Amino acid sequence: MGLLSGILGLPLAPVRGVLALGELIQRRVDEELHDPASVRRELEAAEQARAAGEISAEEEAEAQQRALSRLTASPPSRPVRRSDEREG
């Protein structure tokens, strides 16, 4: 990167930072959403709520189905961009 392009690109640095932060947050959300431990906690919570009489058997089955569908669904695939790649 030349000196001139480095200086002219400085005003865009905050935008690049925000975009990188957004991508990082999205990756963490995807990881948490498809994490088997998270799904197991959700299944256990539904089972405990059913045992305590807080939800019906039908509601428990729905909660189990939602949790299991999260586990079996594949995370959305996005092209991976390296930070040193430029658009355009």
N, C-alpha and C. Protein backbone atom coordinates (compact mmCIF):
# COMPACT_ATOMS: atom_id res chain seq x y z
N MET A 1 0.86 -1.16 0.00
CA MET A 1 0.00 0.00 0.00
C MET A 1 0.90 1.23 0.00
N GLY A 2 0.64 2.10 -0.92
CA GLY A 2 1.44 3.31 -1.02
C GLY A 2 1.08 4.32 0.05
N LEU A 3 1.95 5.28 0.23
CA LEU A 3 1.75 6.31 1.24
C LEU A 3 0.49 7.12 0.94
N LEU A 4 0.31 7.48 -0.31
CA LEU A 4 -0.85 8.30 -0.68
C LEU A 4 -2.16 7.53 -0.48
N SER A 5 -2.19 6.28 -0.93
CA SER A 5 -3.43 5.51 -0.75
C SER A 5 -3.69 5.22 0.73
N GLY A 6 -2.64 5.09 1.52
CA GLY A 6 -2.81 4.90 2.96
C GLY A 6 -3.43 6.12 3.62
N ILE A 7 -2.96 7.29 3.23
CA ILE A 7 -3.48 8.53 3.79
C ILE A 7 -4.92 8.76 3.33
N LEU A 8 -5.17 8.54 2.05
CA LEU A 8 -6.52 8.75 1.53
C LEU A 8 -7.51 7.72 2.06
N GLY A 9 -7.03 6.55 2.46
CA GLY A 9 -7.90 5.51 2.99
C GLY A 9 -8.23 5.66 4.46
N LEU A 10 -7.53 6.55 5.15
CA LEU A 10 -7.77 6.72 6.59
C LEU A 10 -9.22 7.07 6.93
N PRO A 11 -9.88 7.94 6.18
CA PRO A 11 -11.28 8.23 6.53
C PRO A 11 -12.20 7.01 6.48
N LEU A 12 -11.81 5.98 5.73
CA LEU A 12 -12.64 4.78 5.64
C LEU A 12 -12.31 3.76 6.73
N ALA A 13 -11.29 3.99 7.51
CA ALA A 13 -10.89 3.02 8.54
C ALA A 13 -12.02 2.74 9.54
N PRO A 14 -12.76 3.74 10.02
CA PRO A 14 -13.86 3.41 10.94
C PRO A 14 -14.93 2.53 10.29
N VAL A 15 -15.20 2.76 9.02
CA VAL A 15 -16.19 1.95 8.32
C VAL A 15 -15.71 0.51 8.23
N ARG A 16 -14.44 0.33 7.89
CA ARG A 16 -13.89 -1.02 7.82
C ARG A 16 -13.94 -1.69 9.19
N GLY A 17 -13.67 -0.92 10.24
CA GLY A 17 -13.73 -1.47 11.60
C GLY A 17 -15.12 -1.92 11.97
N VAL A 18 -16.12 -1.12 11.63
CA VAL A 18 -17.51 -1.48 11.93
C VAL A 18 -17.92 -2.72 11.14
N LEU A 19 -17.50 -2.80 9.89
CA LEU A 19 -17.83 -3.99 9.08
C LEU A 19 -17.16 -5.24 9.65
N ALA A 20 -15.91 -5.12 10.07
CA ALA A 20 -15.22 -6.27 10.67
C ALA A 20 -15.90 -6.68 11.96
N LEU A 21 -16.32 -5.71 12.76
CA LEU A 21 -17.02 -6.02 14.01
C LEU A 21 -18.35 -6.71 13.72
N GLY A 22 -19.07 -6.25 12.71
CA GLY A 22 -20.34 -6.89 12.34
C GLY A 22 -20.14 -8.33 11.90
N GLU A 23 -19.09 -8.58 11.13
CA GLU A 23 -18.80 -9.95 10.69
C GLU A 23 -18.44 -10.83 11.88
N LEU A 24 -17.67 -10.29 12.82
CA LEU A 24 -17.31 -11.04 14.02
C LEU A 24 -18.54 -11.40 14.84
N ILE A 25 -19.43 -10.44 15.02
CA ILE A 25 -20.66 -10.68 15.78
C ILE A 25 -21.51 -11.73 15.08
N GLN A 26 -21.61 -11.65 13.77
CA GLN A 26 -22.41 -12.63 13.02
C GLN A 26 -21.84 -14.03 13.17
N ARG A 27 -20.52 -14.17 13.11
CA ARG A 27 -19.90 -15.49 13.30
C ARG A 27 -20.19 -16.04 14.69
N ARG A 28 -20.11 -15.19 15.71
CA ARG A 28 -20.37 -15.64 17.08
C ARG A 28 -21.83 -16.06 17.25
N VAL A 29 -22.75 -15.32 16.65
CA VAL A 29 -24.17 -15.67 16.73
C VAL A 29 -24.41 -17.02 16.05
N ASP A 30 -23.81 -17.22 14.88
CA ASP A 30 -23.96 -18.49 14.17
C ASP A 30 -23.40 -19.64 14.99
N GLU A 31 -22.23 -19.42 15.61
CA GLU A 31 -21.63 -20.47 16.44
C GLU A 31 -22.52 -20.81 17.63
N GLU A 32 -23.06 -19.79 18.29
CA GLU A 32 -23.91 -20.02 19.45
C GLU A 32 -25.22 -20.69 19.04
N LEU A 33 -25.76 -20.28 17.92
CA LEU A 33 -27.03 -20.83 17.46
C LEU A 33 -26.92 -22.31 17.14
N HIS A 34 -25.79 -22.73 16.60
CA HIS A 34 -25.62 -24.12 16.18
C HIS A 34 -24.75 -24.93 17.14
N ASP A 35 -24.51 -24.39 18.33
CA ASP A 35 -23.68 -25.08 19.32
C ASP A 35 -24.49 -26.19 19.99
N PRO A 36 -24.00 -27.43 19.98
CA PRO A 36 -24.74 -28.54 20.59
C PRO A 36 -25.01 -28.33 22.09
N ALA A 37 -24.10 -27.69 22.79
CA ALA A 37 -24.31 -27.45 24.23
C ALA A 37 -25.48 -26.49 24.45
N SER A 38 -25.61 -25.49 23.59
CA SER A 38 -26.72 -24.55 23.69
C SER A 38 -28.05 -25.25 23.42
N VAL A 39 -28.06 -26.13 22.43
CA VAL A 39 -29.27 -26.88 22.11
C VAL A 39 -29.63 -27.80 23.26
N ARG A 40 -28.62 -28.44 23.86
CA ARG A 40 -28.90 -29.33 24.98
C ARG A 40 -29.49 -28.56 26.16
N ARG A 41 -28.95 -27.35 26.44
CA ARG A 41 -29.50 -26.54 27.52
C ARG A 41 -30.96 -26.19 27.25
N GLU A 42 -31.28 -25.89 26.00
CA GLU A 42 -32.66 -25.57 25.64
C GLU A 42 -33.57 -26.78 25.83
N LEU A 43 -33.09 -27.96 25.44
CA LEU A 43 -33.87 -29.18 25.63
C LEU A 43 -34.08 -29.48 27.11
N GLU A 44 -33.03 -29.29 27.92
CA GLU A 44 -33.16 -29.52 29.35
C GLU A 44 -34.13 -28.53 29.99
N ALA A 45 -34.10 -27.28 29.54
CA ALA A 45 -35.02 -26.28 30.08
C ALA A 45 -36.46 -26.64 29.75
N ALA A 46 -36.71 -27.13 28.55
CA ALA A 46 -38.06 -27.55 28.17
C ALA A 46 -38.51 -28.74 29.01
N GLU A 47 -37.59 -29.67 29.24
CA GLU A 47 -37.92 -30.84 30.06
C GLU A 47 -38.23 -30.44 31.50
N GLN A 48 -37.45 -29.53 32.05
CA GLN A 48 -37.69 -29.07 33.42
C GLN A 48 -39.00 -28.30 33.52
N ALA A 49 -39.30 -27.48 32.52
CA ALA A 49 -40.55 -26.73 32.52
C ALA A 49 -41.74 -27.68 32.45
N ARG A 50 -41.62 -28.73 31.68
CA ARG A 50 -42.69 -29.73 31.58
C ARG A 50 -42.85 -30.46 32.90
N ALA A 51 -41.74 -30.82 33.55
CA ALA A 51 -41.80 -31.52 34.83
C ALA A 51 -42.41 -30.63 35.91
N ALA A 52 -42.18 -29.33 35.82
CA ALA A 52 -42.74 -28.40 36.81
C ALA A 52 -44.18 -28.02 36.48
N GLY A 53 -44.69 -28.47 35.35
CA GLY A 53 -46.06 -28.17 34.97
C GLY A 53 -46.24 -26.80 34.36
N GLU A 54 -45.15 -26.16 33.96
CA GLU A 54 -45.23 -24.82 33.39
C GLU A 54 -45.67 -24.84 31.93
N ILE A 55 -45.39 -25.93 31.24
CA ILE A 55 -45.80 -26.05 29.84
C ILE A 55 -46.45 -27.41 29.63
N SER A 56 -47.23 -27.51 28.57
CA SER A 56 -47.90 -28.78 28.26
C SER A 56 -46.94 -29.68 27.48
N ALA A 57 -47.36 -30.92 27.30
CA ALA A 57 -46.56 -31.86 26.54
C ALA A 57 -46.41 -31.39 25.09
N GLU A 58 -47.46 -30.78 24.56
CA GLU A 58 -47.42 -30.27 23.19
C GLU A 58 -46.40 -29.13 23.07
N GLU A 59 -46.40 -28.23 24.05
CA GLU A 59 -45.44 -27.13 24.03
C GLU A 59 -44.01 -27.64 24.19
N GLU A 60 -43.84 -28.68 24.99
CA GLU A 60 -42.51 -29.28 25.14
C GLU A 60 -42.05 -29.88 23.82
N ALA A 61 -42.95 -30.57 23.13
CA ALA A 61 -42.60 -31.17 21.84
C ALA A 61 -42.22 -30.10 20.83
N GLU A 62 -42.94 -28.97 20.84
CA GLU A 62 -42.62 -27.87 19.94
C GLU A 62 -41.24 -27.29 20.26
N ALA A 63 -40.95 -27.12 21.55
CA ALA A 63 -39.64 -26.60 21.96
C ALA A 63 -38.53 -27.56 21.55
N GLN A 64 -38.78 -28.85 21.71
CA GLN A 64 -37.79 -29.84 21.31
C GLN A 64 -37.56 -29.79 19.80
N GLN A 65 -38.64 -29.67 19.05
CA GLN A 65 -38.52 -29.62 17.59
C GLN A 65 -37.74 -28.39 17.15
N ARG A 66 -38.01 -27.23 17.77
CA ARG A 66 -37.27 -26.01 17.43
C ARG A 66 -35.79 -26.17 17.72
N ALA A 67 -35.47 -26.74 18.89
CA ALA A 67 -34.07 -26.90 19.28
C ALA A 67 -33.36 -27.87 18.34
N LEU A 68 -34.01 -28.98 18.05
CA LEU A 68 -33.38 -29.97 17.18
C LEU A 68 -33.24 -29.47 15.74
N SER A 69 -34.18 -28.66 15.29
CA SER A 69 -34.06 -28.11 13.93
C SER A 69 -32.90 -27.13 13.86
N ARG A 70 -32.64 -26.40 14.95
CA ARG A 70 -31.47 -25.52 14.99
C ARG A 70 -30.19 -26.32 14.89
N LEU A 71 -30.17 -27.48 15.55
CA LEU A 71 -28.97 -28.31 15.57
C LEU A 71 -28.71 -28.92 14.21
N THR A 72 -29.77 -29.35 13.53
CA THR A 72 -29.58 -30.04 12.26
C THR A 72 -29.47 -29.08 11.08
N ALA A 73 -29.92 -27.84 11.24
CA ALA A 73 -29.83 -26.87 10.16
C ALA A 73 -28.37 -26.46 9.98
N SER A 74 -27.97 -26.35 8.74
CA SER A 74 -26.59 -25.94 8.49
C SER A 74 -26.51 -24.42 8.57
N PRO A 75 -25.43 -23.91 9.13
CA PRO A 75 -25.29 -22.46 9.20
C PRO A 75 -25.17 -21.88 7.80
N PRO A 76 -25.63 -20.65 7.62
CA PRO A 76 -25.54 -20.06 6.28
C PRO A 76 -24.09 -19.94 5.86
N SER A 77 -23.83 -20.30 4.62
CA SER A 77 -22.46 -20.21 4.13
C SER A 77 -22.25 -18.85 3.49
N ARG A 78 -21.22 -18.20 3.93
CA ARG A 78 -20.85 -16.90 3.38
C ARG A 78 -19.43 -17.01 2.87
N PRO A 79 -19.13 -16.32 1.80
CA PRO A 79 -17.74 -16.34 1.33
C PRO A 79 -16.85 -15.68 2.38
N VAL A 80 -15.73 -16.29 2.61
CA VAL A 80 -14.80 -15.77 3.61
C VAL A 80 -13.89 -14.77 2.93
N ARG A 81 -13.86 -13.56 3.47
CA ARG A 81 -12.98 -12.52 2.94
C ARG A 81 -11.83 -12.31 3.88
N ARG A 82 -10.66 -12.24 3.32
CA ARG A 82 -9.51 -11.91 4.14
C ARG A 82 -9.48 -10.41 4.31
N SER A 83 -8.91 -9.95 5.42
CA SER A 83 -8.90 -8.52 5.71
C SER A 83 -8.02 -7.74 4.73
N ASP A 84 -7.08 -8.43 4.05
CA ASP A 84 -6.21 -7.71 3.12
C ASP A 84 -6.77 -7.68 1.70
N GLU A 85 -7.95 -8.25 1.48
CA GLU A 85 -8.57 -8.20 0.16
C GLU A 85 -9.32 -6.89 0.01
N ARG A 86 -9.29 -6.36 -1.20
CA ARG A 86 -10.02 -5.13 -1.47
C ARG A 86 -11.17 -5.41 -2.40
N GLU A 87 -12.29 -4.70 -2.17
CA GLU A 87 -13.43 -4.83 -3.07
C GLU A 87 -13.17 -3.99 -4.31
N GLY A 88 -13.79 -4.42 -5.42
CA GLY A 88 -13.71 -3.58 -6.61
C GLY A 88 -12.92 -4.15 -7.66
